[in-house]
């Protein structure tokens, strides 16, 4: 399973530099269509998207993206949640949990 990223040219640049090879550039006009295709791609395990881009989706598309398990959609940037919740959602385990939690 691959890590993929979807977004504008500026957004995906950092992921490319980090070595992510599955990069998809989308404009506001075709973002939702490309997202839906990527959600159906069984070779993708994690899909990184800009959290602000999710606000431009239809309610049904946003719900599908946020509830997706394979691939797990990880919003990056903004106030979409803290890293602990993103990691927990992505792998199903709370790595930050201590014996006191």
N, C-alpha and C. Protein backbone atom coordinates (compact mmCIF):
# COMPACT_ATOMS: atom_id res chain seq x y z
N UNK A 1 0.83 -1.18 0.00
CA UNK A 1 0.00 0.00 0.00
C UNK A 1 0.88 1.25 0.00
N UNK A 2 0.44 2.20 -0.77
CA UNK A 2 1.21 3.42 -0.95
C UNK A 2 0.66 4.59 -0.15
N UNK A 3 1.53 5.56 0.06
CA UNK A 3 1.12 6.87 0.57
C UNK A 3 0.91 7.74 -0.66
N UNK A 4 -0.23 8.41 -0.71
CA UNK A 4 -0.54 9.30 -1.83
C UNK A 4 -0.88 10.67 -1.29
N UNK A 5 -0.80 11.65 -2.16
CA UNK A 5 -1.15 13.02 -1.78
C UNK A 5 -1.97 13.63 -2.91
N UNK A 6 -2.96 14.43 -2.54
CA UNK A 6 -3.82 15.10 -3.50
C UNK A 6 -3.91 16.57 -3.13
N UNK A 7 -3.69 17.43 -4.12
CA UNK A 7 -3.82 18.86 -3.86
C UNK A 7 -3.21 19.71 -4.95
N UNK A 8 -3.04 20.97 -4.64
CA UNK A 8 -2.47 21.91 -5.60
C UNK A 8 -0.99 21.63 -5.78
N UNK A 9 -0.42 22.21 -6.82
CA UNK A 9 1.01 22.05 -7.10
C UNK A 9 1.86 22.48 -5.90
N UNK A 10 1.49 23.57 -5.26
CA UNK A 10 2.24 24.06 -4.09
C UNK A 10 2.15 23.08 -2.92
N UNK A 11 0.97 22.51 -2.71
CA UNK A 11 0.77 21.60 -1.58
C UNK A 11 1.57 20.31 -1.76
N UNK A 12 1.56 19.75 -2.95
CA UNK A 12 2.21 18.46 -3.17
C UNK A 12 3.73 18.55 -3.27
N UNK A 13 4.25 19.74 -3.48
CA UNK A 13 5.69 19.90 -3.66
C UNK A 13 6.51 19.33 -2.50
N UNK A 14 6.13 19.66 -1.28
CA UNK A 14 6.86 19.15 -0.11
C UNK A 14 6.83 17.64 -0.01
N UNK A 15 5.71 17.05 -0.39
CA UNK A 15 5.61 15.59 -0.36
C UNK A 15 6.52 14.97 -1.42
N UNK A 16 6.58 15.61 -2.58
CA UNK A 16 7.49 15.12 -3.62
C UNK A 16 8.93 15.15 -3.13
N UNK A 17 9.30 16.25 -2.49
CA UNK A 17 10.66 16.38 -1.97
C UNK A 17 10.95 15.35 -0.89
N UNK A 18 9.91 14.93 -0.17
CA UNK A 18 10.07 13.92 0.87
C UNK A 18 10.09 12.50 0.30
N UNK A 19 9.87 12.37 -1.00
CA UNK A 19 9.95 11.05 -1.63
C UNK A 19 8.63 10.38 -1.93
N UNK A 20 7.52 11.06 -1.70
CA UNK A 20 6.22 10.47 -2.04
C UNK A 20 6.10 10.47 -3.55
N UNK A 21 5.88 9.30 -4.12
CA UNK A 21 5.81 9.18 -5.58
C UNK A 21 4.40 9.23 -6.13
N UNK A 22 3.43 8.90 -5.32
CA UNK A 22 2.03 8.87 -5.77
C UNK A 22 1.41 10.24 -5.48
N UNK A 23 1.63 11.18 -6.39
CA UNK A 23 1.22 12.56 -6.22
C UNK A 23 0.18 12.90 -7.28
N UNK A 24 -0.92 13.51 -6.85
CA UNK A 24 -2.00 13.87 -7.77
C UNK A 24 -2.32 15.35 -7.59
N UNK A 25 -2.20 16.08 -8.68
CA UNK A 25 -2.47 17.52 -8.65
C UNK A 25 -3.92 17.74 -9.08
N UNK A 26 -4.62 18.56 -8.32
CA UNK A 26 -6.02 18.84 -8.62
C UNK A 26 -6.31 20.32 -8.43
N UNK A 27 -7.17 20.83 -9.29
CA UNK A 27 -7.65 22.21 -9.15
C UNK A 27 -8.98 22.15 -8.40
N UNK A 28 -9.51 23.28 -8.06
CA UNK A 28 -10.80 23.34 -7.37
C UNK A 28 -11.90 22.70 -8.21
N UNK A 29 -11.78 22.80 -9.53
CA UNK A 29 -12.81 22.27 -10.42
C UNK A 29 -12.87 20.74 -10.46
N UNK A 30 -11.73 20.08 -10.34
CA UNK A 30 -11.73 18.62 -10.46
C UNK A 30 -11.29 17.90 -9.17
N UNK A 31 -11.19 18.63 -8.08
CA UNK A 31 -10.70 18.06 -6.82
C UNK A 31 -11.58 16.91 -6.34
N UNK A 32 -12.88 17.14 -6.28
CA UNK A 32 -13.78 16.12 -5.75
C UNK A 32 -13.77 14.86 -6.61
N UNK A 33 -13.75 15.03 -7.91
CA UNK A 33 -13.72 13.88 -8.83
C UNK A 33 -12.45 13.06 -8.62
N UNK A 34 -11.31 13.73 -8.51
CA UNK A 34 -10.04 13.01 -8.31
C UNK A 34 -10.01 12.34 -6.94
N UNK A 35 -10.54 13.01 -5.94
CA UNK A 35 -10.60 12.41 -4.60
C UNK A 35 -11.41 11.13 -4.61
N UNK A 36 -12.55 11.13 -5.25
CA UNK A 36 -13.40 9.94 -5.30
C UNK A 36 -12.67 8.78 -6.01
N UNK A 37 -11.94 9.08 -7.07
CA UNK A 37 -11.17 8.03 -7.77
C UNK A 37 -10.09 7.46 -6.86
N UNK A 38 -9.41 8.33 -6.12
CA UNK A 38 -8.35 7.86 -5.22
C UNK A 38 -8.91 7.04 -4.06
N UNK A 39 -10.11 7.38 -3.59
CA UNK A 39 -10.73 6.60 -2.51
C UNK A 39 -11.07 5.19 -2.97
N UNK A 40 -11.24 5.00 -4.28
CA UNK A 40 -11.53 3.67 -4.82
C UNK A 40 -10.28 2.90 -5.22
N UNK A 41 -9.11 3.50 -5.09
CA UNK A 41 -7.85 2.87 -5.49
C UNK A 41 -7.33 1.99 -4.35
N UNK A 42 -7.37 0.69 -4.56
CA UNK A 42 -6.97 -0.25 -3.50
C UNK A 42 -5.47 -0.27 -3.24
N UNK A 43 -4.67 0.36 -4.10
CA UNK A 43 -3.22 0.38 -3.87
C UNK A 43 -2.79 1.48 -2.91
N UNK A 44 -3.72 2.37 -2.54
CA UNK A 44 -3.39 3.49 -1.65
C UNK A 44 -3.82 3.15 -0.23
N UNK A 45 -2.89 3.29 0.72
CA UNK A 45 -3.19 3.03 2.12
C UNK A 45 -3.45 4.30 2.90
N UNK A 46 -2.72 5.36 2.56
CA UNK A 46 -2.87 6.66 3.23
C UNK A 46 -2.93 7.73 2.16
N UNK A 47 -3.92 8.61 2.28
CA UNK A 47 -4.09 9.71 1.34
C UNK A 47 -4.02 11.03 2.11
N UNK A 48 -2.98 11.81 1.86
CA UNK A 48 -2.82 13.11 2.51
C UNK A 48 -3.49 14.19 1.66
N UNK A 49 -4.28 15.03 2.33
CA UNK A 49 -4.96 16.14 1.66
C UNK A 49 -4.82 17.38 2.54
N UNK A 50 -4.94 18.55 1.94
CA UNK A 50 -4.93 19.78 2.72
C UNK A 50 -6.29 19.90 3.40
N UNK A 51 -6.29 20.14 4.70
CA UNK A 51 -7.54 20.18 5.45
C UNK A 51 -8.49 21.24 4.92
N UNK A 52 -7.98 22.37 4.45
CA UNK A 52 -8.87 23.41 3.94
C UNK A 52 -9.56 22.98 2.64
N UNK A 53 -8.96 22.08 1.89
CA UNK A 53 -9.60 21.59 0.66
C UNK A 53 -10.84 20.77 0.96
N UNK A 54 -10.88 20.12 2.10
CA UNK A 54 -12.05 19.32 2.46
C UNK A 54 -13.30 20.18 2.64
N UNK A 55 -13.11 21.43 3.00
CA UNK A 55 -14.24 22.32 3.20
C UNK A 55 -14.96 22.68 1.91
N UNK A 56 -14.32 22.43 0.77
CA UNK A 56 -14.92 22.76 -0.52
C UNK A 56 -15.65 21.57 -1.14
N UNK A 57 -15.65 20.45 -0.45
CA UNK A 57 -16.32 19.25 -0.98
C UNK A 57 -17.81 19.28 -0.64
N UNK A 58 -18.57 18.51 -1.39
CA UNK A 58 -19.98 18.32 -1.05
C UNK A 58 -20.04 17.58 0.29
N UNK A 59 -21.13 17.72 1.04
CA UNK A 59 -21.22 17.01 2.32
C UNK A 59 -21.05 15.50 2.19
N UNK A 60 -21.58 14.91 1.14
CA UNK A 60 -21.46 13.46 0.96
C UNK A 60 -20.01 13.05 0.69
N UNK A 61 -19.31 13.82 -0.13
CA UNK A 61 -17.92 13.51 -0.45
C UNK A 61 -17.03 13.69 0.78
N UNK A 62 -17.28 14.75 1.54
CA UNK A 62 -16.49 14.98 2.75
C UNK A 62 -16.70 13.84 3.75
N UNK A 63 -17.95 13.43 3.93
CA UNK A 63 -18.24 12.34 4.86
C UNK A 63 -17.55 11.05 4.41
N UNK A 64 -17.61 10.76 3.13
CA UNK A 64 -16.96 9.54 2.62
C UNK A 64 -15.46 9.58 2.86
N UNK A 65 -14.85 10.74 2.60
CA UNK A 65 -13.41 10.87 2.79
C UNK A 65 -13.03 10.70 4.26
N UNK A 66 -13.76 11.32 5.15
CA UNK A 66 -13.40 11.29 6.57
C UNK A 66 -13.71 9.94 7.22
N UNK A 67 -14.62 9.17 6.63
CA UNK A 67 -14.96 7.87 7.18
C UNK A 67 -14.20 6.72 6.52
N UNK A 68 -13.43 7.04 5.49
CA UNK A 68 -12.71 6.02 4.75
C UNK A 68 -11.65 5.35 5.62
N UNK A 69 -11.60 4.04 5.51
CA UNK A 69 -10.61 3.27 6.26
C UNK A 69 -9.48 2.85 5.34
N UNK A 70 -9.79 2.52 4.11
CA UNK A 70 -8.77 2.13 3.14
C UNK A 70 -9.07 2.85 1.83
N UNK A 71 -8.41 3.91 1.54
CA UNK A 71 -7.30 4.51 2.28
C UNK A 71 -7.79 5.39 3.43
N UNK A 72 -6.91 5.58 4.38
CA UNK A 72 -7.16 6.53 5.46
C UNK A 72 -6.83 7.91 4.90
N UNK A 73 -7.76 8.84 5.01
CA UNK A 73 -7.54 10.21 4.56
C UNK A 73 -7.01 11.02 5.73
N UNK A 74 -5.82 11.59 5.57
CA UNK A 74 -5.18 12.35 6.63
C UNK A 74 -5.15 13.83 6.23
N UNK A 75 -5.99 14.65 6.87
CA UNK A 75 -5.94 16.09 6.59
C UNK A 75 -4.67 16.70 7.18
N UNK A 76 -4.00 17.52 6.40
CA UNK A 76 -2.74 18.13 6.82
C UNK A 76 -2.93 19.64 6.90
N UNK A 77 -2.43 20.23 7.99
CA UNK A 77 -2.54 21.67 8.16
C UNK A 77 -3.88 22.07 8.73
N UNK A 78 -3.97 23.31 9.15
CA UNK A 78 -5.23 23.83 9.68
C UNK A 78 -5.55 23.29 11.04
N UNK A 79 -6.80 23.34 11.37
CA UNK A 79 -7.27 22.94 12.69
C UNK A 79 -8.09 21.65 12.65
N UNK A 80 -7.76 20.74 11.78
CA UNK A 80 -8.53 19.52 11.60
C UNK A 80 -8.37 18.53 12.75
N UNK A 81 -7.44 18.74 13.63
CA UNK A 81 -7.24 17.84 14.75
C UNK A 81 -5.76 17.73 15.06
N UNK A 82 -5.45 17.17 16.21
CA UNK A 82 -4.05 17.07 16.58
C UNK A 82 -3.41 15.80 16.02
N UNK A 83 -2.12 15.75 16.09
CA UNK A 83 -1.36 14.63 15.53
C UNK A 83 -1.75 13.31 16.19
N UNK A 84 -2.04 13.34 17.48
CA UNK A 84 -2.41 12.12 18.18
C UNK A 84 -3.64 11.47 17.55
N UNK A 85 -4.65 12.27 17.26
CA UNK A 85 -5.87 11.74 16.66
C UNK A 85 -5.62 11.25 15.24
N UNK A 86 -4.77 11.95 14.49
CA UNK A 86 -4.48 11.53 13.12
C UNK A 86 -3.77 10.18 13.10
N UNK A 87 -2.80 10.01 13.99
CA UNK A 87 -2.07 8.74 14.06
C UNK A 87 -3.00 7.63 14.51
N UNK A 88 -3.82 7.91 15.50
CA UNK A 88 -4.75 6.91 16.02
C UNK A 88 -5.72 6.46 14.93
N UNK A 89 -6.22 7.41 14.16
CA UNK A 89 -7.14 7.09 13.08
C UNK A 89 -6.45 6.32 11.96
N UNK A 90 -5.21 6.69 11.67
CA UNK A 90 -4.49 6.07 10.56
C UNK A 90 -4.12 4.62 10.83
N UNK A 91 -3.67 4.32 12.05
CA UNK A 91 -3.19 2.96 12.33
C UNK A 91 -4.06 2.20 13.32
N UNK A 92 -5.03 2.88 13.93
CA UNK A 92 -5.95 2.20 14.83
C UNK A 92 -5.44 2.00 16.24
N UNK A 93 -4.30 2.56 16.56
CA UNK A 93 -3.71 2.40 17.89
C UNK A 93 -3.29 3.77 18.41
N UNK A 94 -3.54 4.02 19.67
CA UNK A 94 -3.13 5.27 20.29
C UNK A 94 -1.70 5.11 20.80
N UNK A 95 -0.73 5.55 19.98
CA UNK A 95 0.68 5.40 20.34
C UNK A 95 1.09 6.28 21.52
N UNK A 96 0.31 7.31 21.79
CA UNK A 96 0.64 8.24 22.86
C UNK A 96 0.04 7.84 24.20
N UNK A 97 -0.75 6.79 24.21
CA UNK A 97 -1.42 6.37 25.44
C UNK A 97 -0.42 5.87 26.46
N UNK A 98 -0.59 6.33 27.68
CA UNK A 98 0.24 5.88 28.78
C UNK A 98 -0.61 5.03 29.71
N UNK A 99 0.01 4.44 30.70
CA UNK A 99 -0.72 3.62 31.66
C UNK A 99 -1.72 4.45 32.45
N UNK A 100 -1.48 5.75 32.57
CA UNK A 100 -2.39 6.62 33.31
C UNK A 100 -3.62 7.01 32.52
N UNK A 101 -3.58 6.89 31.16
CA UNK A 101 -4.74 7.28 30.33
C UNK A 101 -5.86 6.29 30.40
